[in-house]
Amino acid sequence: MGQRSLRKYLYDIQQSIDSINEYLGEKRDFFAYEQNKLLRRAVERELEIIGEAVNHLLELDKSIAIDNARRIVDLRNFVIHGYDKVDNVIIWGVISKDLPKLKEQVDMLMAQTTIL
């Protein structure tokens, strides 16, 4: 069951990253993001899912090879509990800088993890 759970949470992260990329499209435009409440909320929801999945991964394996795993969970908590203080610039930085690296790491972990 452990490997299956690991794969499930890794898959959830992959799906949320793919969804964020789909929502933003090829032309990444911060101004358009900032002006579109529906888009911002959709991205924030996917970040919540990513944070929750990473939290579950940490519960299963504290040594999981995901950089800044604790920060990812903390971002999830902030987006949920500090919804009125979410900074679009910070979220955009996460999308631009952190998500591509997370995607690489999750893809690598999925390739290494087999369902038993």
N, C-alpha and C. Protein backbone atom coordinates (compact mmCIF):
# COMPACT_ATOMS: atom_id res chain seq x y z
N MET A 1 0.81 -1.20 0.00
CA MET A 1 0.00 0.00 0.00
C MET A 1 0.85 1.26 0.00
N GLY A 2 2.03 1.24 0.60
CA GLY A 2 2.89 2.40 0.67
C GLY A 2 3.27 2.95 -0.69
N GLN A 3 3.71 2.09 -1.59
CA GLN A 3 4.10 2.52 -2.93
C GLN A 3 2.90 3.08 -3.69
N ARG A 4 1.77 2.44 -3.54
CA ARG A 4 0.56 2.90 -4.22
C ARG A 4 0.18 4.30 -3.73
N SER A 5 0.26 4.52 -2.41
CA SER A 5 -0.06 5.83 -1.86
C SER A 5 0.93 6.88 -2.34
N LEU A 6 2.22 6.52 -2.36
CA LEU A 6 3.23 7.45 -2.86
C LEU A 6 2.90 7.86 -4.29
N ARG A 7 2.62 6.88 -5.13
CA ARG A 7 2.31 7.17 -6.53
C ARG A 7 1.04 8.02 -6.65
N LYS A 8 0.05 7.75 -5.83
CA LYS A 8 -1.20 8.52 -5.89
C LYS A 8 -0.94 9.99 -5.60
N TYR A 9 -0.17 10.28 -4.55
CA TYR A 9 0.10 11.67 -4.20
C TYR A 9 1.02 12.34 -5.23
N LEU A 10 1.99 11.60 -5.74
CA LEU A 10 2.85 12.14 -6.79
C LEU A 10 2.02 12.45 -8.04
N TYR A 11 1.11 11.54 -8.36
CA TYR A 11 0.22 11.75 -9.52
C TYR A 11 -0.65 12.99 -9.31
N ASP A 12 -1.18 13.17 -8.11
CA ASP A 12 -2.00 14.35 -7.82
C ASP A 12 -1.20 15.63 -8.02
N ILE A 13 0.06 15.62 -7.60
CA ILE A 13 0.92 16.79 -7.79
C ILE A 13 1.14 17.04 -9.28
N GLN A 14 1.44 15.98 -10.02
CA GLN A 14 1.62 16.12 -11.47
C GLN A 14 0.38 16.73 -12.11
N GLN A 15 -0.78 16.24 -11.75
CA GLN A 15 -2.03 16.72 -12.33
C GLN A 15 -2.27 18.19 -12.01
N SER A 16 -1.98 18.59 -10.78
CA SER A 16 -2.19 19.99 -10.40
C SER A 16 -1.21 20.91 -11.13
N ILE A 17 0.04 20.47 -11.26
CA ILE A 17 1.01 21.28 -12.01
C ILE A 17 0.57 21.40 -13.47
N ASP A 18 0.15 20.29 -14.06
CA ASP A 18 -0.34 20.32 -15.45
C ASP A 18 -1.55 21.25 -15.58
N SER A 19 -2.43 21.21 -14.60
CA SER A 19 -3.61 22.08 -14.64
C SER A 19 -3.22 23.55 -14.57
N ILE A 20 -2.29 23.89 -13.69
CA ILE A 20 -1.82 25.28 -13.59
C ILE A 20 -1.24 25.72 -14.93
N ASN A 21 -0.42 24.87 -15.52
CA ASN A 21 0.18 25.21 -16.82
C ASN A 21 -0.89 25.38 -17.89
N GLU A 22 -1.92 24.54 -17.84
CA GLU A 22 -3.02 24.65 -18.80
C GLU A 22 -3.79 25.96 -18.59
N TYR A 23 -4.07 26.29 -17.32
CA TYR A 23 -4.81 27.52 -17.02
C TYR A 23 -4.06 28.75 -17.54
N LEU A 24 -2.74 28.75 -17.39
CA LEU A 24 -1.94 29.91 -17.76
C LEU A 24 -1.67 29.99 -19.25
N GLY A 25 -1.70 28.84 -19.92
CA GLY A 25 -1.45 28.81 -21.36
C GLY A 25 -0.01 29.10 -21.72
N GLU A 26 0.23 29.20 -22.99
CA GLU A 26 1.59 29.44 -23.50
C GLU A 26 2.09 30.84 -23.17
N LYS A 27 1.19 31.80 -23.26
CA LYS A 27 1.57 33.19 -23.03
C LYS A 27 1.38 33.54 -21.56
N ARG A 28 2.43 33.42 -20.81
CA ARG A 28 2.37 33.73 -19.38
C ARG A 28 2.41 35.23 -19.18
N ASP A 29 1.35 35.76 -18.62
CA ASP A 29 1.23 37.20 -18.48
C ASP A 29 0.78 37.51 -17.05
N PHE A 30 1.68 38.08 -16.26
CA PHE A 30 1.35 38.39 -14.87
C PHE A 30 0.18 39.35 -14.78
N PHE A 31 0.15 40.36 -15.63
CA PHE A 31 -0.95 41.33 -15.57
C PHE A 31 -2.29 40.65 -15.80
N ALA A 32 -2.35 39.78 -16.79
CA ALA A 32 -3.59 39.05 -17.07
C ALA A 32 -3.96 38.16 -15.87
N TYR A 33 -2.96 37.53 -15.27
CA TYR A 33 -3.19 36.70 -14.08
C TYR A 33 -3.75 37.55 -12.95
N GLU A 34 -3.12 38.67 -12.72
CA GLU A 34 -3.52 39.54 -11.60
C GLU A 34 -4.93 40.09 -11.78
N GLN A 35 -5.33 40.31 -13.02
CA GLN A 35 -6.65 40.88 -13.30
C GLN A 35 -7.77 39.84 -13.34
N ASN A 36 -7.42 38.55 -13.34
CA ASN A 36 -8.42 37.51 -13.52
C ASN A 36 -8.62 36.73 -12.22
N LYS A 37 -9.63 37.11 -11.47
CA LYS A 37 -9.89 36.49 -10.17
C LYS A 37 -10.13 34.99 -10.30
N LEU A 38 -10.88 34.58 -11.30
CA LEU A 38 -11.17 33.17 -11.51
C LEU A 38 -9.87 32.37 -11.73
N LEU A 39 -8.98 32.91 -12.54
CA LEU A 39 -7.69 32.26 -12.79
C LEU A 39 -6.86 32.19 -11.52
N ARG A 40 -6.80 33.28 -10.78
CA ARG A 40 -6.03 33.29 -9.52
C ARG A 40 -6.56 32.23 -8.55
N ARG A 41 -7.87 32.18 -8.41
CA ARG A 41 -8.47 31.21 -7.48
C ARG A 41 -8.21 29.78 -7.94
N ALA A 42 -8.26 29.53 -9.24
CA ALA A 42 -7.99 28.19 -9.76
C ALA A 42 -6.55 27.79 -9.47
N VAL A 43 -5.61 28.70 -9.70
CA VAL A 43 -4.20 28.41 -9.43
C VAL A 43 -3.99 28.17 -7.93
N GLU A 44 -4.59 29.02 -7.11
CA GLU A 44 -4.45 28.86 -5.66
C GLU A 44 -5.00 27.51 -5.21
N ARG A 45 -6.11 27.08 -5.77
CA ARG A 45 -6.68 25.78 -5.41
C ARG A 45 -5.73 24.65 -5.78
N GLU A 46 -5.12 24.73 -6.95
CA GLU A 46 -4.16 23.69 -7.35
C GLU A 46 -2.95 23.70 -6.42
N LEU A 47 -2.52 24.88 -5.99
CA LEU A 47 -1.40 24.95 -5.03
C LEU A 47 -1.79 24.33 -3.69
N GLU A 48 -3.04 24.50 -3.30
CA GLU A 48 -3.53 23.84 -2.08
C GLU A 48 -3.44 22.32 -2.22
N ILE A 49 -3.88 21.81 -3.37
CA ILE A 49 -3.83 20.37 -3.61
C ILE A 49 -2.39 19.87 -3.58
N ILE A 50 -1.49 20.61 -4.24
CA ILE A 50 -0.08 20.23 -4.23
C ILE A 50 0.45 20.18 -2.80
N GLY A 51 0.15 21.20 -2.02
CA GLY A 51 0.61 21.24 -0.63
C GLY A 51 0.06 20.10 0.20
N GLU A 52 -1.19 19.78 0.01
CA GLU A 52 -1.80 18.68 0.76
C GLU A 52 -1.17 17.35 0.36
N ALA A 53 -0.94 17.15 -0.93
CA ALA A 53 -0.31 15.91 -1.39
C ALA A 53 1.11 15.79 -0.86
N VAL A 54 1.86 16.89 -0.87
CA VAL A 54 3.22 16.86 -0.32
C VAL A 54 3.17 16.55 1.17
N ASN A 55 2.21 17.09 1.88
CA ASN A 55 2.07 16.79 3.30
C ASN A 55 1.86 15.29 3.53
N HIS A 56 1.01 14.68 2.72
CA HIS A 56 0.78 13.24 2.83
C HIS A 56 2.05 12.45 2.48
N LEU A 57 2.78 12.92 1.48
CA LEU A 57 4.05 12.26 1.13
C LEU A 57 5.02 12.30 2.31
N LEU A 58 5.10 13.45 2.97
CA LEU A 58 5.99 13.57 4.13
C LEU A 58 5.56 12.65 5.27
N GLU A 59 4.26 12.45 5.41
CA GLU A 59 3.78 11.52 6.44
C GLU A 59 4.21 10.09 6.11
N LEU A 60 4.25 9.75 4.83
CA LEU A 60 4.64 8.41 4.41
C LEU A 60 6.16 8.21 4.41
N ASP A 61 6.89 9.28 4.04
CA ASP A 61 8.34 9.17 3.90
C ASP A 61 8.96 10.56 4.10
N LYS A 62 9.46 10.80 5.31
CA LYS A 62 10.01 12.12 5.64
C LYS A 62 11.24 12.48 4.80
N SER A 63 11.86 11.47 4.20
CA SER A 63 13.08 11.72 3.42
C SER A 63 12.78 11.83 1.92
N ILE A 64 11.53 12.02 1.56
CA ILE A 64 11.16 12.11 0.14
C ILE A 64 11.99 13.19 -0.55
N ALA A 65 12.44 12.90 -1.75
CA ALA A 65 13.37 13.78 -2.48
C ALA A 65 12.62 14.91 -3.18
N ILE A 66 12.00 15.78 -2.38
CA ILE A 66 11.34 16.97 -2.91
C ILE A 66 11.92 18.16 -2.17
N ASP A 67 12.61 19.02 -2.91
CA ASP A 67 13.20 20.22 -2.30
C ASP A 67 12.10 21.10 -1.71
N ASN A 68 12.40 21.66 -0.57
CA ASN A 68 11.49 22.61 0.08
C ASN A 68 10.10 22.05 0.33
N ALA A 69 10.02 20.76 0.63
CA ALA A 69 8.72 20.13 0.86
C ALA A 69 7.94 20.84 1.97
N ARG A 70 8.63 21.20 3.03
CA ARG A 70 7.95 21.87 4.15
C ARG A 70 7.41 23.23 3.72
N ARG A 71 8.18 23.95 2.89
CA ARG A 71 7.72 25.25 2.38
C ARG A 71 6.48 25.11 1.52
N ILE A 72 6.41 24.01 0.77
CA ILE A 72 5.24 23.76 -0.09
C ILE A 72 4.00 23.58 0.79
N VAL A 73 4.15 22.83 1.86
CA VAL A 73 3.03 22.62 2.79
C VAL A 73 2.66 23.94 3.46
N ASP A 74 3.68 24.72 3.84
CA ASP A 74 3.42 26.01 4.48
C ASP A 74 2.68 26.96 3.54
N LEU A 75 3.02 26.93 2.24
CA LEU A 75 2.32 27.76 1.27
C LEU A 75 0.85 27.35 1.20
N ARG A 76 0.61 26.06 1.19
CA ARG A 76 -0.78 25.56 1.18
C ARG A 76 -1.54 26.11 2.38
N ASN A 77 -0.93 26.04 3.56
CA ASN A 77 -1.59 26.52 4.77
C ASN A 77 -1.85 28.02 4.69
N PHE A 78 -0.88 28.75 4.15
CA PHE A 78 -1.04 30.20 4.03
C PHE A 78 -2.16 30.55 3.06
N VAL A 79 -2.22 29.87 1.93
CA VAL A 79 -3.26 30.16 0.93
C VAL A 79 -4.64 29.88 1.52
N ILE A 80 -4.74 28.80 2.28
CA ILE A 80 -6.04 28.45 2.87
C ILE A 80 -6.40 29.39 4.03
N HIS A 81 -5.48 29.56 4.97
CA HIS A 81 -5.81 30.29 6.19
C HIS A 81 -5.56 31.79 6.10
N GLY A 82 -4.70 32.20 5.17
CA GLY A 82 -4.41 33.61 5.01
C GLY A 82 -4.91 34.12 3.68
N TYR A 83 -6.04 33.58 3.26
CA TYR A 83 -6.57 33.87 1.92
C TYR A 83 -6.65 35.37 1.64
N ASP A 84 -6.87 36.17 2.67
CA ASP A 84 -7.02 37.61 2.48
C ASP A 84 -5.68 38.34 2.40
N LYS A 85 -4.58 37.59 2.57
CA LYS A 85 -3.25 38.19 2.52
C LYS A 85 -2.39 37.61 1.39
N VAL A 86 -2.98 36.80 0.53
CA VAL A 86 -2.23 36.16 -0.55
C VAL A 86 -1.68 37.24 -1.48
N ASP A 87 -0.39 37.18 -1.72
CA ASP A 87 0.30 38.15 -2.57
C ASP A 87 0.47 37.54 -3.97
N ASN A 88 -0.13 38.16 -4.96
CA ASN A 88 -0.07 37.64 -6.32
C ASN A 88 1.35 37.55 -6.85
N VAL A 89 2.21 38.45 -6.43
CA VAL A 89 3.61 38.43 -6.87
C VAL A 89 4.31 37.18 -6.34
N ILE A 90 4.05 36.84 -5.08
CA ILE A 90 4.66 35.64 -4.49
C ILE A 90 4.14 34.39 -5.20
N ILE A 91 2.84 34.32 -5.42
CA ILE A 91 2.26 33.16 -6.10
C ILE A 91 2.85 33.05 -7.51
N TRP A 92 2.99 34.18 -8.21
CA TRP A 92 3.55 34.17 -9.56
C TRP A 92 4.99 33.66 -9.52
N GLY A 93 5.75 34.06 -8.50
CA GLY A 93 7.12 33.57 -8.34
C GLY A 93 7.16 32.07 -8.14
N VAL A 94 6.24 31.55 -7.35
CA VAL A 94 6.14 30.10 -7.13
C VAL A 94 5.85 29.40 -8.45
N ILE A 95 4.90 29.94 -9.19
CA ILE A 95 4.51 29.35 -10.48
C ILE A 95 5.71 29.36 -11.44
N SER A 96 6.40 30.47 -11.49
CA SER A 96 7.47 30.65 -12.47
C SER A 96 8.76 29.93 -12.11
N LYS A 97 9.13 29.96 -10.84
CA LYS A 97 10.43 29.44 -10.44
C LYS A 97 10.38 28.07 -9.79
N ASP A 98 9.40 27.85 -8.95
CA ASP A 98 9.38 26.63 -8.14
C ASP A 98 8.65 25.46 -8.81
N LEU A 99 7.57 25.73 -9.51
CA LEU A 99 6.80 24.63 -10.11
C LEU A 99 7.58 23.83 -11.15
N PRO A 100 8.35 24.47 -12.02
CA PRO A 100 9.11 23.65 -12.98
C PRO A 100 10.08 22.68 -12.30
N LYS A 101 10.73 23.12 -11.24
CA LYS A 101 11.66 22.25 -10.50
C LYS A 101 10.89 21.14 -9.79
N LEU A 102 9.75 21.48 -9.18
CA LEU A 102 8.93 20.47 -8.52
C LEU A 102 8.47 19.44 -9.52
N LYS A 103 8.06 19.88 -10.70
CA LYS A 103 7.61 18.94 -11.73
C LYS A 103 8.72 17.96 -12.09
N GLU A 104 9.93 18.45 -12.27
CA GLU A 104 11.07 17.58 -12.57
C GLU A 104 11.26 16.53 -11.47
N GLN A 105 11.23 16.96 -10.23
CA GLN A 105 11.46 16.05 -9.11
C GLN A 105 10.35 15.02 -9.01
N VAL A 106 9.11 15.44 -9.17
CA VAL A 106 7.98 14.52 -9.08
C VAL A 106 8.01 13.53 -10.24
N ASP A 107 8.32 14.01 -11.44
CA ASP A 107 8.43 13.10 -12.59
C ASP A 107 9.51 12.05 -12.34
N MET A 108 10.64 12.47 -11.76
CA MET A 108 11.72 11.54 -11.47
C MET A 108 11.29 10.51 -10.41
N LEU A 109 10.59 10.98 -9.38
CA LEU A 109 10.11 10.06 -8.34
C LEU A 109 9.10 9.08 -8.90
N MET A 110 8.23 9.56 -9.79
CA MET A 110 7.25 8.64 -10.41
C MET A 110 7.96 7.58 -11.22
N ALA A 111 9.01 7.94 -11.90
CA ALA A 111 9.76 6.97 -12.71
C ALA A 111 10.45 5.94 -11.83
N GLN A 112 10.80 6.32 -10.62
CA GLN A 112 11.52 5.43 -9.70
C GLN A 112 10.59 4.57 -8.86
N THR A 113 9.33 4.99 -8.74
CA THR A 113 8.38 4.32 -7.85
C THR A 113 7.45 3.43 -8.66
N THR A 114 7.43 2.16 -8.31
CA THR A 114 6.56 1.22 -9.02
C THR A 114 5.42 0.77 -8.11
N ILE A 115 4.30 0.47 -8.72
CA ILE A 115 3.17 -0.05 -7.95
C ILE A 115 3.42 -1.52 -7.66
N LEU A 116 3.29 -1.89 -6.41
CA LEU A 116 3.51 -3.28 -6.01
C LEU A 116 2.26 -4.12 -6.21
